[in-house]
Amino acid sequence: MSQNPILPKIEGYVRELFKKRSAAENIYHNIIHTSEVVNVASRIAHEEELSDQDTEIVLIAAWFHDTGYFHCCNGHEDQSSEYARDYLEKEKYPLEKIAKILDCIKATRIPHSPKNKLEEIICDADLHHLGMKDIEARGELLRQEFEMKGIKKLSDIDWLSNSLDFFDKHKYFTDYAKREFGLQKNLNQFNMERKLKKLEKRSKEEKLSELKLEIEQKK
């Protein structure tokens, strides 16, 4: 893809936004995550043989897709869309392309329901980490972020249970993502299921020991 001058400008703009507005507790939804999503979206777009124009649309959406996290968590896609709209309109970017970019950003709302190839690509890029070997470390960052932002604080068992439910409901849409991330995602899910069973077994044993101790103390 021949790079349009607007892409480096947008990268610089978004990086500056993260420096100025992203809260310290956003340890998962940060510029590192955004950059990774952009890079993966670029790879998928290339493998899916997107045109230069459509690739540009996807990459712009990827840069802006989590800027709404500066203000909120639930429904942040709408705020992200406003950041993109405001910037692109000032740059006099074509309105029909802006509309597609906003659709791509909003398509990252969970659960994913992409309506076209562009939206499928950004959805797969956004959750590519489900099929990465370091899923446990990434998941822990997200868990800590939720706790620091006061969204939810879960036990190890509840966190794993919720994560497995998320894995069950998720699917990749593009052939590239299925090929590159699908197998590792399945392996990650298997390992999480095994870990959950061990934790549940240990929890039952601890509760049984506590019950036995309580009975002994009452004798």
C-alpha atoms as a PDB file:
ATOM      1  CA  MET A   1       0.000   0.000   0.000  1.00  0.00           C
ATOM      2  CA  SER A   2       1.317   3.443  -0.938  1.00  0.00           C
ATOM      3  CA  GLN A   3       0.993   5.456   2.261  1.00  0.00           C
ATOM      4  CA  ASN A   4      -1.291   8.474   2.213  1.00  0.00           C
ATOM      5  CA  PRO A   5       0.230  11.470   4.041  1.00  0.00           C
ATOM      6  CA  ILE A   6      -2.818  11.567   6.330  1.00  0.00           C
ATOM      7  CA  LEU A   7      -1.894   8.285   8.059  1.00  0.00           C
ATOM      8  CA  PRO A   8       1.353   9.543   9.655  1.00  0.00           C
ATOM      9  CA  LYS A   9      -0.478  12.732  10.663  1.00  0.00           C
ATOM     10  CA  ILE A  10      -3.212  10.700  12.339  1.00  0.00           C
ATOM     11  CA  GLU A  11      -0.668   8.486  14.084  1.00  0.00           C
ATOM     12  CA  GLY A  12       1.060  11.552  15.518  1.00  0.00           C
ATOM     13  CA  TYR A  13      -2.249  13.101  16.535  1.00  0.00           C
ATOM     14  CA  VAL A  14      -3.506   9.957  18.297  1.00  0.00           C
ATOM     15  CA  ARG A  15      -0.185   9.358  20.059  1.00  0.00           C
ATOM     16  CA  GLU A  16      -0.337  12.907  21.398  1.00  0.00           C
ATOM     17  CA  LEU A  17      -3.931  12.343  22.530  1.00  0.00           C
ATOM     18  CA  PHE A  18      -2.866   9.304  24.537  1.00  0.00           C
ATOM     19  CA  LYS A  19      -0.035  11.267  26.164  1.00  0.00           C
ATOM     20  CA  LYS A  20      -2.316  14.111  27.198  1.00  0.00           C
ATOM     21  CA  ARG A  21      -5.642  12.437  27.966  1.00  0.00           C
ATOM     22  CA  SER A  22      -5.258   8.738  28.721  1.00  0.00           C
ATOM     23  CA  ALA A  23      -5.578   7.956  32.439  1.00  0.00           C
ATOM     24  CA  ALA A  24      -2.711   6.189  34.204  1.00  0.00           C
ATOM     25  CA  GLU A  25      -4.974   3.228  34.987  1.00  0.00           C
ATOM     26  CA  ASN A  26      -5.482   2.489  31.280  1.00  0.00           C
ATOM     27  CA  ILE A  27      -2.714  -0.094  31.344  1.00  0.00           C
ATOM     28  CA  TYR A  28      -4.387  -2.306  28.728  1.00  0.00           C
ATOM     29  CA  HIS A  29      -6.298   0.156  26.547  1.00  0.00           C
ATOM     30  CA  ASN A  30      -3.210   2.248  25.854  1.00  0.00           C
ATOM     31  CA  ILE A  31      -1.162   3.355  22.854  1.00  0.00           C
ATOM     32  CA  ILE A  32       0.640  -0.005  22.796  1.00  0.00           C
ATOM     33  CA  HIS A  33      -2.647  -1.849  22.271  1.00  0.00           C
ATOM     34  CA  THR A  34      -3.745   0.678  19.653  1.00  0.00           C
ATOM     35  CA  SER A  35      -0.457   0.365  17.734  1.00  0.00           C
ATOM     36  CA  GLU A  36      -0.735  -3.430  17.773  1.00  0.00           C
ATOM     37  CA  VAL A  37      -4.294  -3.264  16.430  1.00  0.00           C
ATOM     38  CA  VAL A  38      -3.137  -0.962  13.621  1.00  0.00           C
ATOM     39  CA  ASN A  39      -0.274  -3.299  12.700  1.00  0.00           C
ATOM     40  CA  VAL A  40      -2.457  -6.411  12.720  1.00  0.00           C
ATOM     41  CA  ALA A  41      -5.191  -4.619  10.757  1.00  0.00           C
ATOM     42  CA  SER A  42      -2.582  -3.695   8.147  1.00  0.00           C
ATOM     43  CA  ARG A  43      -1.462  -7.320   7.852  1.00  0.00           C
ATOM     44  CA  ILE A  44      -5.003  -8.625   7.545  1.00  0.00           C
ATOM     45  CA  ALA A  45      -5.913  -5.955   4.979  1.00  0.00           C
ATOM     46  CA  HIS A  46      -2.916  -6.984   2.880  1.00  0.00           C
ATOM     47  CA  GLU A  47      -3.730 -10.692   3.097  1.00  0.00           C
ATOM     48  CA  GLU A  48      -7.397 -10.037   2.307  1.00  0.00           C
ATOM     49  CA  GLU A  49      -6.289  -7.981  -0.737  1.00  0.00           C
ATOM     50  CA  LEU A  50      -8.061  -4.784   0.263  1.00  0.00           C
ATOM     51  CA  SER A  51      -7.675  -1.785  -2.011  1.00  0.00           C
ATOM     52  CA  ASP A  52      -5.436   1.076  -0.878  1.00  0.00           C
ATOM     53  CA  GLN A  53      -8.488   3.240  -0.176  1.00  0.00           C
ATOM     54  CA  ASP A  54     -10.225   0.602   1.925  1.00  0.00           C
ATOM     55  CA  THR A  55      -6.993  -0.186   3.773  1.00  0.00           C
ATOM     56  CA  GLU A  56      -6.644   3.487   4.626  1.00  0.00           C
ATOM     57  CA  ILE A  57     -10.183   3.509   6.026  1.00  0.00           C
ATOM     58  CA  VAL A  58      -9.485   0.490   8.236  1.00  0.00           C
ATOM     59  CA  LEU A  59      -6.179   1.874   9.528  1.00  0.00           C
ATOM     60  CA  ILE A  60      -7.639   5.271  10.373  1.00  0.00           C
ATOM     61  CA  ALA A  61     -10.430   3.517  12.267  1.00  0.00           C
ATOM     62  CA  ALA A  62      -7.853   1.388  14.079  1.00  0.00           C
ATOM     63  CA  TRP A  63      -5.924   4.441  15.242  1.00  0.00           C
ATOM     64  CA  PHE A  64      -9.047   6.064  16.675  1.00  0.00           C
ATOM     65  CA  HIS A  65     -10.964   3.003  17.895  1.00  0.00           C
ATOM     66  CA  ASP A  66     -10.091   3.292  21.614  1.00  0.00           C
ATOM     67  CA  THR A  67      -9.684   7.055  22.022  1.00  0.00           C
ATOM     68  CA  GLY A  68     -13.087   7.080  23.708  1.00  0.00           C
ATOM     69  CA  TYR A  69     -11.519   5.255  26.664  1.00  0.00           C
ATOM     70  CA  PHE A  70     -10.179   8.616  27.793  1.00  0.00           C
ATOM     71  CA  HIS A  71     -13.703   9.426  28.994  1.00  0.00           C
ATOM     72  CA  CYS A  72     -15.611   6.181  29.549  1.00  0.00           C
ATOM     73  CA  CYS A  73     -15.530   2.405  29.205  1.00  0.00           C
ATOM     74  CA  ASN A  74     -19.051   1.316  28.340  1.00  0.00           C
ATOM     75  CA  GLY A  75     -20.045   2.767  25.000  1.00  0.00           C
ATOM     76  CA  HIS A  76     -16.601   4.248  24.415  1.00  0.00           C
ATOM     77  CA  GLU A  77     -16.965   3.476  20.700  1.00  0.00           C
ATOM     78  CA  ASP A  78     -19.341   6.413  20.309  1.00  0.00           C
ATOM     79  CA  GLN A  79     -16.847   8.791  21.899  1.00  0.00           C
ATOM     80  CA  SER A  80     -14.062   7.316  19.753  1.00  0.00           C
ATOM     81  CA  SER A  81     -16.174   7.990  16.682  1.00  0.00           C
ATOM     82  CA  GLU A  82     -16.546  11.635  17.720  1.00  0.00           C
ATOM     83  CA  TYR A  83     -12.780  12.025  18.028  1.00  0.00           C
ATOM     84  CA  ALA A  84     -12.388  10.601  14.527  1.00  0.00           C
ATOM     85  CA  ARG A  85     -15.198  12.682  13.049  1.00  0.00           C
ATOM     86  CA  ASP A  86     -13.927  15.951  14.534  1.00  0.00           C
ATOM     87  CA  TYR A  87     -10.383  15.394  13.316  1.00  0.00           C
ATOM     88  CA  LEU A  88     -11.276  14.168   9.834  1.00  0.00           C
ATOM     89  CA  GLU A  89     -13.811  16.903   9.162  1.00  0.00           C
ATOM     90  CA  LYS A  90     -11.196  19.523  10.076  1.00  0.00           C
ATOM     91  CA  GLU A  91      -8.848  17.802   7.615  1.00  0.00           C
ATOM     92  CA  LYS A  92     -11.618  18.001   4.987  1.00  0.00           C
ATOM     93  CA  TYR A  93     -11.476  14.232   4.551  1.00  0.00           C
ATOM     94  CA  PRO A  94     -14.181  12.891   2.169  1.00  0.00           C
ATOM     95  CA  LEU A  95     -17.506  12.522   3.988  1.00  0.00           C
ATOM     96  CA  GLU A  96     -18.313   9.134   2.447  1.00  0.00           C
ATOM     97  CA  LYS A  97     -15.011   7.775   3.774  1.00  0.00           C
ATOM     98  CA  ILE A  98     -15.611   9.287   7.202  1.00  0.00           C
ATOM     99  CA  ALA A  99     -18.917   7.416   7.374  1.00  0.00           C
ATOM    100  CA  LYS A 100     -17.145   4.110   6.689  1.00  0.00           C
ATOM    101  CA  ILE A 101     -14.497   4.865   9.302  1.00  0.00           C
ATOM    102  CA  LEU A 102     -17.133   5.585  11.933  1.00  0.00           C
ATOM    103  CA  ASP A 103     -18.912   2.344  11.037  1.00  0.00           C
ATOM    104  CA  CYS A 104     -15.645   0.441  11.505  1.00  0.00           C
ATOM    105  CA  ILE A 105     -15.054   2.003  14.914  1.00  0.00           C
ATOM    106  CA  LYS A 106     -18.583   1.233  16.077  1.00  0.00           C
ATOM    107  CA  ALA A 107     -18.225  -2.342  14.786  1.00  0.00           C
ATOM    108  CA  THR A 108     -15.650  -2.986  17.533  1.00  0.00           C
ATOM    109  CA  ARG A 109     -18.446  -2.816  20.104  1.00  0.00           C
ATOM    110  CA  ILE A 110     -18.793  -6.163  21.928  1.00  0.00           C
ATOM    111  CA  PRO A 111     -20.357  -8.468  20.807  1.00  0.00           C
ATOM    112  CA  HIS A 112     -18.957  -8.042  17.320  1.00  0.00           C
ATOM    113  CA  SER A 113     -21.440  -7.966  14.439  1.00  0.00           C
ATOM    114  CA  PRO A 114     -19.489  -6.721  11.407  1.00  0.00           C
ATOM    115  CA  LYS A 115     -21.498  -5.965   8.273  1.00  0.00           C
ATOM    116  CA  ASN A 116     -18.695  -6.021   5.689  1.00  0.00           C
ATOM    117  CA  LYS A 117     -15.062  -6.963   5.087  1.00  0.00           C
ATOM    118  CA  LEU A 118     -13.654  -3.706   6.465  1.00  0.00           C
ATOM    119  CA  GLU A 119     -15.511  -4.134   9.737  1.00  0.00           C
ATOM    120  CA  GLU A 120     -14.486  -7.802   9.929  1.00  0.00           C
ATOM    121  CA  ILE A 121     -10.833  -6.802   9.649  1.00  0.00           C
ATOM    122  CA  ILE A 122     -10.858  -4.264  12.464  1.00  0.00           C
ATOM    123  CA  CYS A 123     -12.853  -6.633  14.698  1.00  0.00           C
ATOM    124  CA  ASP A 124     -10.306  -9.403  14.167  1.00  0.00           C
ATOM    125  CA  ALA A 125      -7.405  -7.012  14.719  1.00  0.00           C
ATOM    126  CA  ASP A 126      -8.935  -5.658  17.925  1.00  0.00           C
ATOM    127  CA  LEU A 127      -9.187  -9.127  19.503  1.00  0.00           C
ATOM    128  CA  HIS A 128      -6.214 -10.797  17.850  1.00  0.00           C
ATOM    129  CA  HIS A 129      -4.645 -11.179  21.315  1.00  0.00           C
ATOM    130  CA  LEU A 130      -7.092 -13.997  22.120  1.00  0.00           C
ATOM    131  CA  GLY A 131      -4.923 -16.062  19.796  1.00  0.00           C
ATOM    132  CA  MET A 132      -1.546 -14.984  21.189  1.00  0.00           C
ATOM    133  CA  LYS A 133       0.750 -16.987  23.466  1.00  0.00           C
ATOM    134  CA  ASP A 134       0.941 -14.187  26.032  1.00  0.00           C
ATOM    135  CA  ILE A 135      -2.828 -14.129  26.572  1.00  0.00           C
ATOM    136  CA  GLU A 136      -2.465 -14.659  30.336  1.00  0.00           C
ATOM    137  CA  ALA A 137      -0.262 -11.575  30.782  1.00  0.00           C
ATOM    138  CA  ARG A 138      -2.534  -9.481  28.566  1.00  0.00           C
ATOM    139  CA  GLY A 139      -5.593 -10.690  30.419  1.00  0.00           C
ATOM    140  CA  GLU A 140      -4.026  -9.747  33.739  1.00  0.00           C
ATOM    141  CA  LEU A 141      -3.423  -6.201  32.476  1.00  0.00           C
ATOM    142  CA  LEU A 142      -7.082  -5.936  31.505  1.00  0.00           C
ATOM    143  CA  ARG A 143      -8.147  -7.338  34.870  1.00  0.00           C
ATOM    144  CA  GLN A 144      -6.005  -4.811  36.744  1.00  0.00           C
ATOM    145  CA  GLU A 145      -7.342  -1.999  34.571  1.00  0.00           C
ATOM    146  CA  PHE A 146     -10.924  -2.972  35.390  1.00  0.00           C
ATOM    147  CA  GLU A 147     -10.117  -3.038  39.104  1.00  0.00           C
ATOM    148  CA  MET A 148      -8.300   0.314  39.093  1.00  0.00           C
ATOM    149  CA  LYS A 149     -11.145   1.958  37.193  1.00  0.00           C
ATOM    150  CA  GLY A 150     -13.691   0.500  39.615  1.00  0.00           C
ATOM    151  CA  ILE A 151     -15.461  -1.503  36.904  1.00  0.00           C
ATOM    152  CA  LYS A 152     -15.234  -4.925  38.516  1.00  0.00           C
ATOM    153  CA  LYS A 153     -13.096  -6.874  40.985  1.00  0.00           C
ATOM    154  CA  LEU A 154     -13.286 -10.619  40.480  1.00  0.00           C
ATOM    155  CA  SER A 155     -11.811 -13.676  42.142  1.00  0.00           C
ATOM    156  CA  ASP A 156      -9.487 -15.858  40.076  1.00  0.00           C
ATOM    157  CA  ILE A 157     -12.329 -18.326  39.520  1.00  0.00           C
ATOM    158  CA  ASP A 158     -14.829 -15.674  38.443  1.00  0.00           C
ATOM    159  CA  TRP A 159     -12.275 -13.994  36.157  1.00  0.00           C
ATOM    160  CA  LEU A 160     -11.462 -17.259  34.399  1.00  0.00           C
ATOM    161  CA  SER A 161     -15.130 -18.192  34.153  1.00  0.00           C
ATOM    162  CA  ASN A 162     -16.006 -14.827  32.592  1.00  0.00           C
ATOM    163  CA  SER A 163     -13.023 -15.048  30.254  1.00  0.00           C
ATOM    164  CA  LEU A 164     -14.051 -18.501  29.049  1.00  0.00           C
ATOM    165  CA  ASP A 165     -17.570 -17.247  28.421  1.00  0.00           C
ATOM    166  CA  PHE A 166     -16.059 -14.450  26.325  1.00  0.00           C
ATOM    167  CA  PHE A 167     -13.937 -16.971  24.394  1.00  0.00           C
ATOM    168  CA  ASP A 168     -16.996 -19.132  23.709  1.00  0.00           C
ATOM    169  CA  LYS A 169     -18.946 -16.231  22.234  1.00  0.00           C
ATOM    170  CA  HIS A 170     -16.065 -14.850  20.171  1.00  0.00           C
ATOM    171  CA  LYS A 171     -15.151 -15.864  16.637  1.00  0.00           C
ATOM    172  CA  TYR A 172     -12.728 -14.625  14.008  1.00  0.00           C
ATOM    173  CA  PHE A 173     -14.207 -13.518  10.694  1.00  0.00           C
ATOM    174  CA  THR A 174     -11.360 -13.257   8.177  1.00  0.00           C
ATOM    175  CA  ASP A 175      -9.502 -16.236   6.739  1.00  0.00           C
ATOM    176  CA  TYR A 176      -6.194 -14.701   7.826  1.00  0.00           C
ATOM    177  CA  ALA A 177      -7.243 -14.344  11.465  1.00  0.00           C
ATOM    178  CA  LYS A 178      -8.684 -17.842  11.560  1.00  0.00           C
ATOM    179  CA  ARG A 179      -5.435 -19.198  10.158  1.00  0.00           C
ATOM    180  CA  GLU A 180      -3.023 -17.103  12.233  1.00  0.00           C
ATOM    181  CA  PHE A 181      -4.825 -16.883  15.572  1.00  0.00           C
ATOM    182  CA  GLY A 182      -7.453 -19.635  15.641  1.00  0.00           C
ATOM    183  CA  LEU A 183      -5.265 -22.550  16.748  1.00  0.00           C
ATOM    184  CA  GLN A 184      -3.541 -20.632  19.539  1.00  0.00           C
ATOM    185  CA  LYS A 185      -6.900 -19.267  20.681  1.00  0.00           C
ATOM    186  CA  ASN A 186      -8.198 -22.831  21.053  1.00  0.00           C
ATOM    187  CA  LEU A 187      -5.060 -23.800  22.975  1.00  0.00           C
ATOM    188  CA  ASN A 188      -5.415 -20.765  25.236  1.00  0.00           C
ATOM    189  CA  GLN A 189      -9.014 -21.705  25.918  1.00  0.00           C
ATOM    190  CA  PHE A 190      -8.033 -25.288  26.755  1.00  0.00           C
ATOM    191  CA  ASN A 191      -5.362 -24.085  29.194  1.00  0.00           C
ATOM    192  CA  MET A 192      -7.812 -21.708  30.856  1.00  0.00           C
ATOM    193  CA  GLU A 193     -10.377 -24.481  31.251  1.00  0.00           C
ATOM    194  CA  ARG A 194      -7.759 -26.717  32.855  1.00  0.00           C
ATOM    195  CA  LYS A 195      -6.649 -23.950  35.211  1.00  0.00           C
ATOM    196  CA  LEU A 196     -10.256 -23.201  36.173  1.00  0.00           C
ATOM    197  CA  LYS A 197     -10.902 -26.846  37.049  1.00  0.00           C
ATOM    198  CA  LYS A 198      -7.825 -26.887  39.304  1.00  0.00           C
ATOM    199  CA  LEU A 199      -8.903 -23.699  41.059  1.00  0.00           C
ATOM    200  CA  GLU A 200     -12.449 -24.974  41.556  1.00  0.00           C
ATOM    201  CA  LYS A 201     -11.150 -28.261  42.958  1.00  0.00           C
ATOM    202  CA  ARG A 202      -8.840 -26.433  45.359  1.00  0.00           C
ATOM    203  CA  SER A 203     -11.666 -24.122  46.434  1.00  0.00           C
ATOM    204  CA  LYS A 204     -13.941 -27.073  47.215  1.00  0.00           C
ATOM    205  CA  GLU A 205     -11.189 -28.771  49.202  1.00  0.00           C
ATOM    206  CA  GLU A 206     -10.550 -25.604  51.220  1.00  0.00           C
ATOM    207  CA  LYS A 207     -14.258 -25.168  51.968  1.00  0.00           C
ATOM    208  CA  LEU A 208     -14.500 -28.809  53.025  1.00  0.00           C
ATOM    209  CA  SER A 209     -11.514 -28.393  55.351  1.00  0.00           C
ATOM    210  CA  GLU A 210     -13.075 -25.281  56.873  1.00  0.00           C
ATOM    211  CA  LEU A 211     -16.354 -27.137  57.388  1.00  0.00           C
ATOM    212  CA  LYS A 212     -14.601 -30.067  59.066  1.00  0.00           C
ATOM    213  CA  LEU A 213     -12.705 -27.671  61.333  1.00  0.00           C
ATOM    214  CA  GLU A 214     -15.931 -25.902  62.255  1.00  0.00           C
ATOM    215  CA  ILE A 215     -17.577 -29.226  63.131  1.00  0.00           C
ATOM    216  CA  GLU A 216     -14.596 -30.277  65.251  1.00  0.00           C
ATOM    217  CA  GLN A 217     -14.646 -26.994  67.143  1.00  0.00           C
ATOM    218  CA  LYS A 218     -18.337 -27.460  68.005  1.00  0.00           C
ATOM    219  CA  LYS A 219     -17.799 -30.898  69.516  1.00  0.00           C
END
